[in-house]
Protein backbone atom coordinates (compact mmCIF):
# COMPACT_ATOMS: atom_id res chain seq x y z
CA MET A 1 118.37 9.28 173.38
CA THR A 2 118.34 7.33 176.64
CA ALA A 3 118.60 3.53 176.72
CA LEU A 4 115.39 1.56 176.45
CA THR A 5 113.91 0.23 179.69
CA GLU A 6 113.09 -3.46 180.12
CA GLY A 7 109.43 -2.59 179.48
CA ASP A 8 110.39 -0.80 176.29
CA ARG A 9 112.42 -3.79 175.11
CA THR A 10 109.51 -6.13 175.84
CA ALA A 11 107.23 -3.88 173.80
CA VAL A 12 109.75 -3.89 170.97
CA ARG A 13 109.90 -7.71 170.98
CA ASN A 14 106.11 -7.92 170.94
CA ALA A 15 105.78 -5.59 167.97
CA ALA A 16 104.79 -6.94 164.54
CA ALA A 17 108.43 -7.55 163.64
CA THR A 18 111.48 -6.62 165.67
CA VAL A 19 114.17 -8.06 163.42
CA ARG A 20 114.95 -8.08 159.71
CA HIS A 21 117.50 -10.57 158.38
CA TYR A 22 119.55 -9.90 155.25
CA VAL A 23 120.59 -13.12 153.49
CA PRO A 24 122.20 -13.71 150.07
CA GLY A 25 119.63 -15.86 148.30
CA GLY A 26 117.03 -15.63 151.06
CA ARG A 27 115.71 -18.68 152.88
CA GLU A 28 115.24 -20.81 149.77
CA ASN A 29 118.47 -20.12 147.86
CA GLY A 30 120.82 -19.02 150.60
CA GLY A 31 122.52 -22.37 151.21
CA GLY A 32 123.37 -23.13 154.83
CA ILE A 33 122.90 -19.49 155.86
CA GLY A 34 119.44 -19.39 154.32
CA ARG A 35 118.50 -22.65 156.00
CA MET A 36 119.67 -21.34 159.39
CA VAL A 37 117.66 -18.12 158.97
CA GLY A 38 114.68 -20.20 157.89
CA TYR A 39 114.91 -22.16 161.13
CA ILE A 40 115.11 -18.90 163.10
CA SER A 41 112.07 -17.35 161.41
CA SER A 42 110.02 -20.55 161.74
CA THR A 43 110.86 -20.91 165.43
CA ALA A 44 110.04 -17.23 166.05
CA LYS A 45 106.71 -17.65 164.25
CA GLU A 46 105.78 -20.56 166.52
CA ALA A 47 106.40 -18.22 169.48
CA GLY A 48 104.10 -15.57 167.98
CA GLU A 49 106.95 -13.33 166.77
CA THR A 50 108.01 -12.31 163.27
CA HIS A 51 111.49 -12.22 161.80
CA LEU A 52 111.48 -10.66 158.34
CA VAL A 53 113.92 -11.91 155.69
CA THR A 54 115.31 -9.84 152.80
CA ASP A 55 117.32 -11.32 149.92
CA THR A 56 120.41 -9.24 149.07
CA ARG A 57 121.51 -11.18 145.98
CA GLY A 58 118.81 -13.30 144.32
CA PRO A 59 118.82 -17.07 143.71
CA ARG A 60 122.34 -16.75 142.30
CA TRP A 61 124.63 -13.84 141.58
CA SER A 62 123.73 -11.96 138.41
CA LEU A 63 125.21 -8.78 136.98
CA VAL A 64 121.69 -7.74 135.98
CA THR A 65 119.47 -8.74 138.91
CA SER A 66 121.80 -8.75 141.95
CA PRO A 67 122.41 -4.96 142.02
CA MET A 68 118.64 -4.45 141.91
CA ARG A 69 118.22 -6.82 144.86
CA MET A 70 120.79 -4.81 146.80
CA LEU A 71 119.08 -1.52 145.97
CA SER A 72 115.76 -3.00 147.05
CA ALA A 73 117.31 -4.13 150.36
CA ILE A 74 118.67 -0.63 151.02
CA LEU A 75 115.29 0.95 150.25
CA MET A 76 113.63 -1.55 152.60
CA MET A 77 116.11 -0.58 155.31
CA ALA A 78 115.36 3.10 154.76
CA LYS A 79 111.62 2.43 154.96
CA ASP A 80 112.12 0.49 158.20
CA ARG A 81 114.04 3.44 159.65
CA ILE A 82 110.90 5.55 159.21
CA ILE A 83 108.08 3.13 160.07
CA ALA A 84 109.92 0.90 162.58
CA PRO A 85 112.92 2.84 163.90
CA ALA A 86 113.59 0.34 166.69
CA ARG A 87 113.87 -2.59 164.27
CA ILE A 88 117.17 -4.47 164.45
CA HIS A 89 118.86 -5.30 161.15
CA HIS A 90 120.57 -8.69 161.35
CA ILE A 91 123.03 -8.83 158.44
CA HIS A 92 124.53 -12.21 157.52
CA ILE A 93 127.96 -12.06 155.90
CA ALA A 94 130.55 -14.39 154.38
CA GLY A 95 133.67 -13.72 152.32
CA ARG A 96 134.15 -12.90 148.65
CA GLY A 97 131.13 -11.21 146.98
CA SER A 98 129.10 -11.35 150.17
CA THR A 99 131.55 -8.99 151.88
CA THR A 100 131.42 -6.57 148.93
CA ARG A 101 127.63 -6.43 149.14
CA LYS A 102 127.65 -6.02 152.92
CA LEU A 103 130.14 -3.14 152.73
CA ILE A 104 127.42 -1.30 150.82
CA LEU A 105 124.55 -2.44 153.03
CA THR A 106 126.27 -1.66 156.33
CA GLU A 107 127.30 1.77 155.06
CA ALA A 108 123.62 2.41 154.36
CA ALA A 109 122.79 1.21 157.89
CA ARG A 110 125.42 3.57 159.31
CA LEU A 111 124.17 6.56 157.35
CA LEU A 112 120.54 5.82 158.25
CA GLY A 113 121.37 5.30 161.93
CA CYS A 114 119.98 1.73 161.95
CA SER A 115 120.83 -0.68 164.75
CA HIS A 116 122.56 -3.60 163.06
CA ILE A 117 124.29 -6.89 163.77
CA LEU A 118 126.90 -8.57 161.56
CA HIS A 119 126.73 -12.39 161.66
CA LEU A 120 129.86 -13.98 160.21
CA HIS A 121 129.44 -17.28 158.35
CA ASP A 122 132.62 -18.26 156.54
CA TYR A 123 134.98 -21.20 156.21
CA ASP A 124 138.16 -19.07 156.40
CA TYR A 125 137.50 -15.34 156.68
CA ALA A 126 141.07 -14.58 157.77
CA SER A 127 142.43 -15.85 154.42
CA ASP A 128 139.77 -13.97 152.47
CA PHE A 129 140.67 -10.78 154.35
CA ALA A 130 144.43 -11.27 153.80
CA ALA A 131 143.92 -11.52 150.02
CA ARG A 132 142.30 -8.06 149.82
CA SER A 133 143.90 -4.70 149.13
CA PRO A 134 144.90 -2.41 152.03
CA ARG A 135 141.97 -0.09 151.24
CA GLN A 136 139.50 -2.97 151.25
CA GLN A 137 140.94 -4.19 154.53
CA MET A 138 140.46 -0.75 156.06
CA LEU A 139 136.83 -0.65 154.92
CA ILE A 140 136.16 -4.17 156.22
CA ARG A 141 137.67 -3.35 159.62
CA ARG A 142 135.52 -0.24 159.83
CA MET A 143 132.42 -2.21 158.82
CA PHE A 144 132.84 -4.76 161.62
CA GLN A 145 133.94 -2.19 164.22
CA HIS A 146 130.86 -0.01 163.57
CA ALA A 147 128.35 -2.83 163.99
CA ASP A 148 126.39 -2.81 167.25
CA GLN A 149 127.15 -6.52 167.78
CA VAL A 150 129.04 -9.18 165.83
CA VAL A 151 128.28 -12.91 165.88
CA ALA A 152 130.88 -15.63 165.35
CA LEU A 153 130.19 -19.34 164.88
CA GLY A 154 133.14 -20.44 167.03
CA GLN A 155 136.30 -19.42 168.86
CA ARG A 156 138.49 -19.35 165.74
CA ASP A 157 136.25 -16.71 164.16
CA ARG A 158 136.00 -14.82 167.46
CA VAL A 159 139.80 -14.49 167.44
CA THR A 160 139.74 -13.32 163.81
CA LEU A 161 137.21 -10.63 164.72
CA THR A 162 138.95 -9.35 167.85
CA THR A 163 142.56 -9.49 166.65
CA LEU A 164 142.65 -9.23 162.86
CA LEU A 165 139.59 -6.98 162.49
CA GLY A 166 139.90 -5.06 165.76
CA VAL A 167 136.36 -5.58 167.07
CA ASP A 168 135.88 -4.91 170.77
CA GLU A 169 135.59 -8.36 172.37
CA ARG A 170 132.66 -7.11 174.48
CA ARG A 171 130.63 -6.77 171.27
CA VAL A 172 131.43 -10.26 169.94
CA ALA A 173 129.07 -13.14 170.73
CA VAL A 174 129.79 -16.78 169.87
CA ILE A 175 126.51 -18.42 168.85
CA ARG A 176 126.86 -21.82 167.22
CA ASN A 177 124.43 -22.96 164.55
CA CYS A 178 121.43 -25.00 165.68
CA VAL A 179 118.58 -26.87 164.03
CA PRO A 180 115.00 -27.73 165.08
CA ASP A 181 114.52 -30.98 166.95
CA PRO A 182 113.53 -33.69 164.43
CA GLY A 183 112.48 -36.01 167.25
CA ALA A 184 113.92 -39.26 168.50
CA ARG A 185 115.56 -41.46 165.88
CA SER A 186 114.10 -44.82 164.92
CA VAL A 187 116.51 -47.74 165.24
CA HIS A 188 117.13 -49.34 161.84
CA VAL A 189 117.58 -52.97 162.86
CA GLY A 190 118.79 -55.26 160.11
CA LYS A 191 118.69 -52.62 157.39
CA MET A 192 121.55 -51.85 155.04
CA PRO A 193 123.38 -48.77 156.45
CA LEU A 194 122.69 -45.52 154.64
CA ILE A 195 125.49 -42.92 154.43
CA VAL A 196 124.46 -39.32 153.70
CA PHE A 197 126.34 -36.18 152.70
CA LEU A 198 124.60 -32.78 152.88
CA GLY A 199 126.14 -29.69 151.34
CA ARG A 200 127.42 -28.21 148.11
CA LEU A 201 129.23 -30.82 146.03
CA SER A 202 132.73 -29.35 145.82
CA GLU A 203 136.39 -30.03 146.46
CA ARG A 204 136.24 -27.80 149.55
CA LYS A 205 133.65 -30.15 150.99
CA GLY A 206 135.91 -33.12 150.22
CA VAL A 207 133.57 -34.79 147.75
CA GLY A 208 136.47 -36.01 145.59
CA GLU A 209 138.05 -37.83 148.55
CA LEU A 210 134.65 -39.12 149.61
CA LEU A 211 134.07 -40.82 146.26
CA LEU A 212 137.56 -42.34 146.38
CA ALA A 213 136.89 -43.56 149.93
CA LEU A 214 133.57 -45.11 148.92
CA SER A 215 135.31 -46.95 146.07
CA HIS A 216 138.10 -48.21 148.37
CA PRO A 217 138.45 -52.01 148.49
CA ILE A 218 137.46 -52.15 152.18
CA MET A 219 134.20 -50.37 151.36
CA LYS A 220 133.54 -52.40 148.22
CA ALA A 221 133.60 -55.53 150.41
CA LEU A 222 130.69 -54.24 152.54
CA GLN A 223 127.01 -53.62 151.98
CA TRP A 224 125.84 -50.00 152.19
CA ARG A 225 124.15 -47.23 150.21
CA ALA A 226 124.98 -43.52 150.02
CA VAL A 227 123.16 -40.31 149.07
CA LEU A 228 125.21 -37.19 148.34
CA ALA A 229 122.67 -34.36 148.43
CA GLY A 230 123.64 -30.85 147.38
CA ASP A 231 124.01 -28.40 144.51
CA GLY A 232 127.15 -27.59 142.55
CA PRO A 233 128.63 -29.50 139.58
CA VAL A 234 126.43 -32.53 140.25
CA GLU A 235 126.82 -34.04 136.75
CA ASP A 236 130.62 -33.91 137.02
CA TYR A 237 130.54 -35.85 140.27
CA ARG A 238 128.03 -38.34 138.87
CA ARG A 239 130.52 -39.04 136.07
CA GLN A 240 133.31 -39.47 138.62
CA ALA A 241 131.15 -41.89 140.61
CA ALA A 242 130.35 -43.87 137.47
CA ALA A 243 134.05 -44.09 136.55
CA LEU A 244 134.73 -45.50 140.03
CA GLY A 245 131.99 -48.10 139.68
CA LEU A 246 129.69 -46.43 142.24
CA SER A 247 126.61 -45.68 140.12
CA ASP A 248 124.51 -48.40 141.76
CA LEU A 249 125.62 -47.49 145.29
CA VAL A 250 125.74 -43.68 145.32
CA LYS A 251 122.86 -41.36 144.41
CA MET A 252 123.19 -37.59 143.88
CA PRO A 253 119.71 -36.01 143.83
CA GLY A 254 120.91 -32.39 143.84
CA TRP A 255 119.94 -29.78 146.43
CA LEU A 256 117.22 -30.82 148.88
CA GLY A 257 114.86 -28.50 150.72
CA ALA A 258 114.73 -28.57 154.51
CA ASP A 259 111.85 -31.07 154.66
CA GLU A 260 113.48 -33.38 152.11
CA ALA A 261 116.80 -33.22 153.95
CA GLN A 262 115.07 -34.10 157.21
CA ALA A 263 113.33 -37.06 155.59
CA LEU A 264 116.67 -38.27 154.23
CA CYS A 265 118.38 -37.97 157.62
CA ALA A 266 115.51 -39.88 159.25
CA ARG A 267 116.36 -42.85 157.01
CA ALA A 268 120.13 -42.52 157.41
CA ASP A 269 122.67 -44.06 159.78
CA ILE A 270 125.90 -42.17 159.06
CA LEU A 271 126.55 -38.54 158.11
CA VAL A 272 129.86 -37.80 156.41
CA LEU A 273 131.36 -34.36 155.72
CA PRO A 274 135.12 -34.52 154.92
CA SER A 275 135.49 -30.74 154.43
CA HIS A 276 138.78 -28.95 153.89
CA ALA A 277 137.41 -25.76 155.50
CA GLU A 278 134.25 -24.77 157.37
CA GLY A 279 132.85 -22.29 159.85
CA LEU A 280 130.40 -24.62 161.54
CA ALA A 281 128.67 -26.82 158.98
CA MET A 282 124.91 -27.04 159.30
CA ALA A 283 125.18 -30.65 158.12
CA VAL A 284 127.17 -31.61 161.22
CA VAL A 285 124.52 -30.14 163.53
CA GLU A 286 121.80 -31.85 161.47
CA GLY A 287 123.66 -35.13 161.96
CA LEU A 288 123.83 -34.66 165.73
CA ALA A 289 120.14 -33.72 165.89
CA HIS A 290 119.10 -36.85 164.00
CA GLY A 291 121.34 -39.07 166.10
CA LEU A 292 123.56 -40.09 163.19
CA ALA A 293 127.11 -41.34 163.49
CA VAL A 294 129.01 -38.26 162.27
CA VAL A 295 132.30 -38.52 160.35
CA THR A 296 133.94 -35.18 159.63
CA THR A 297 137.20 -33.22 159.75
CA ARG A 298 138.58 -31.05 162.55
CA VAL A 299 138.08 -27.72 160.75
CA GLY A 300 136.47 -24.45 161.85
CA ALA A 301 134.40 -24.91 165.01
CA HIS A 302 133.98 -28.67 164.51
CA GLY A 303 136.56 -29.34 167.23
CA GLU A 304 134.40 -27.32 169.64
CA VAL A 305 131.29 -29.29 168.74
CA ILE A 306 132.47 -32.91 168.29
CA SER A 307 134.37 -35.07 170.80
CA ASP A 308 136.35 -37.59 168.77
CA GLY A 309 135.17 -41.13 169.41
CA GLU A 310 132.34 -39.92 171.65
CA THR A 311 129.94 -37.76 169.66
CA GLY A 312 131.54 -38.31 166.26
CA ILE A 313 134.69 -39.35 164.44
CA PHE A 314 137.37 -37.07 163.03
CA VAL A 315 139.48 -37.97 160.00
CA PRO A 316 142.43 -35.96 158.61
CA VAL A 317 141.65 -33.51 155.83
CA GLY A 318 142.20 -35.03 152.39
CA ASP A 319 142.98 -38.55 153.68
CA LYS A 320 140.83 -40.90 151.59
CA ASP A 321 142.26 -44.03 153.26
CA ALA A 322 141.45 -42.81 156.79
CA LEU A 323 138.00 -41.77 155.59
CA ALA A 324 137.39 -45.21 154.06
CA ALA A 325 138.56 -46.93 157.27
CA ALA A 326 136.26 -44.79 159.45
CA LEU A 327 133.24 -45.41 157.23
CA ALA A 328 133.97 -49.14 156.97
CA LYS A 329 134.20 -49.41 160.76
CA LEU A 330 130.78 -47.80 161.18
CA VAL A 331 129.16 -49.76 158.36
CA SER A 332 130.41 -53.09 159.68
CA ASP A 333 129.87 -52.52 163.41
CA PRO A 334 126.28 -51.57 164.36
CA GLU A 335 127.22 -51.47 168.07
CA ILE A 336 129.72 -48.65 167.55
CA ARG A 337 127.30 -46.93 165.20
CA ASN A 338 124.47 -47.06 167.73
CA ARG A 339 126.69 -45.86 170.58
CA LEU A 340 127.79 -42.81 168.58
CA SER A 341 124.19 -42.25 167.55
CA ALA A 342 122.91 -42.14 171.12
CA LYS A 343 125.68 -39.81 172.30
CA ALA A 344 125.26 -37.51 169.30
CA ARG A 345 121.54 -37.17 169.97
CA ALA A 346 122.10 -36.49 173.70
CA HIS A 347 124.78 -33.90 172.85
CA TYR A 348 122.37 -32.11 170.51
CA LEU A 349 119.61 -32.00 173.13
CA ASN A 350 122.03 -30.58 175.72
CA GLN A 351 123.78 -27.99 173.55
CA PHE A 352 122.16 -27.32 170.20
CA SER A 353 118.40 -27.00 170.52
CA MET A 354 116.62 -24.10 168.82
CA LYS A 355 115.21 -23.09 172.20
CA ALA A 356 118.72 -22.42 173.50
CA TYR A 357 119.66 -20.70 170.23
CA MET A 358 116.68 -18.35 170.38
CA ARG A 359 117.54 -17.45 173.99
CA SER A 360 121.02 -16.47 172.79
CA LEU A 361 119.52 -14.32 170.04
CA GLU A 362 117.12 -12.64 172.50
CA LYS A 363 120.09 -11.78 174.72
CA LEU A 364 121.90 -10.36 171.69
CA TYR A 365 118.89 -8.31 170.58
CA ASP A 366 118.41 -7.00 174.12
CA ALA A 367 122.04 -5.81 174.13
CA VAL A 368 121.47 -3.94 170.86
CA SER A 369 118.12 -2.47 171.98
CA ALA A 370 119.74 -1.22 175.19
CA GLN A 371 122.21 0.92 173.26
CA PRO A 372 121.27 4.55 172.60
CA GLN A 373 119.78 5.01 169.13
CA THR A 374 121.38 7.45 166.75
CA SER A 375 119.93 9.91 164.29
CA VAL A 376 120.35 9.63 160.55
CA GLY A 377 124.01 9.99 159.63
CA GLU A 378 125.24 10.12 163.23
CA ARG A 379 126.93 6.71 163.08
C-alpha cells in the first residue's frame, strides 16, 4: 500500500478516533502513566478529537482479572483492525509485569498488522532488562525493534533504546511528560509554608529519607506543614512519622485524583521528590507548572529538566541531611522560594505546556501514518 497523503492524514486525524492508548490501570488507576494519558485524552477532547483508552491490567494486578483484561484489549485491537484499520495503537510500557503484558499485546499488533507505538515509562529499564533471561531479552529487543515508533522520556532512555535494545535511532522520539496549565500561582504572603510530595509512598521515592529530613533538628526549629499524597503502604509511613514526632506536621491522605492534586499544589509552596530512580516524574512537572520551589534528585531525565539553583534544587540521593538543609533554606527564606517559583513557572510555560506536547504527538502520529500499512500477519 502506498503512503498516505497529507490529505489522507488530515482525514485520519479528523475521524471519530485516530488513536487508542493501552495503559495498565487505565486513566484512574494507572499511576503517573494513567494521569499522563488522562491529560492527553482531555486535551484532545478540547480540540474536538478523541483518544480512546484501554486498560490492560485492571485497578491492580490480579491472577483472576488481569488476564481477562489483556484478552479484552487484544480483542479490542482486532476489532479496531477491521472497523478502523488506520487507527494508531499507542502502547505504554514499563518494566517488570508491564513488559510481560506488552510482549503479548505487541505480538498481537504484529500479527494483526496494526500500526503501533511503544512509549517507555520506567525508572531504570536497563537494569530491568539486564535481570532477564537471554530468551526474554531477545523477545524484548524484537518487540521494540518492530514498533513503528518508540517514545523515550529523556536522553538516558533514548540511549538504552538505541544501544541496548537496538532500535533504529530514526524511530526514537524523546517526548518529555507535560501537564495542563493550572494558571498563574497566587502568592502566599505571610502563610506558613506548605511542603508537598506527590507519588507512591515507597523507598524508591525516598519517603524514608524525607521523613528523617522533616524530623531533623533544623526543620523542627521552623514552622511549616507537609502533605505526602500517594498510595502504597500509607499506614506504615504514618507509623514512622508518628515515631519521629511528625503526626501534627505531616499528613498522608493517600492517593489523590488529578483535581485533588491540583488543588493541593495550588495551596503549596514547595514540592519535594527525593527519588532514588525515575524516568521523568510527573510530580516534578506538576511542581514546575504550579510555580513551586522544586527539590528533587538528579535521576532519570530530571537533569535535563531542572537547572540546579535556577528552576529547582538538587540533593544527593539518600542524603537526609542535605535534604533537610535544602528544605530548611526554602522554608526560612521566602525570597529564594519566590525566585525559584517564578523561574519554575516560566520554564514550564516555555518547555512543558500541553500544547507543545500535543504538537509532538501529532508529529509522531504523522510519521506512523506515513508508513505503508501491512496486511494481517505481514509484520
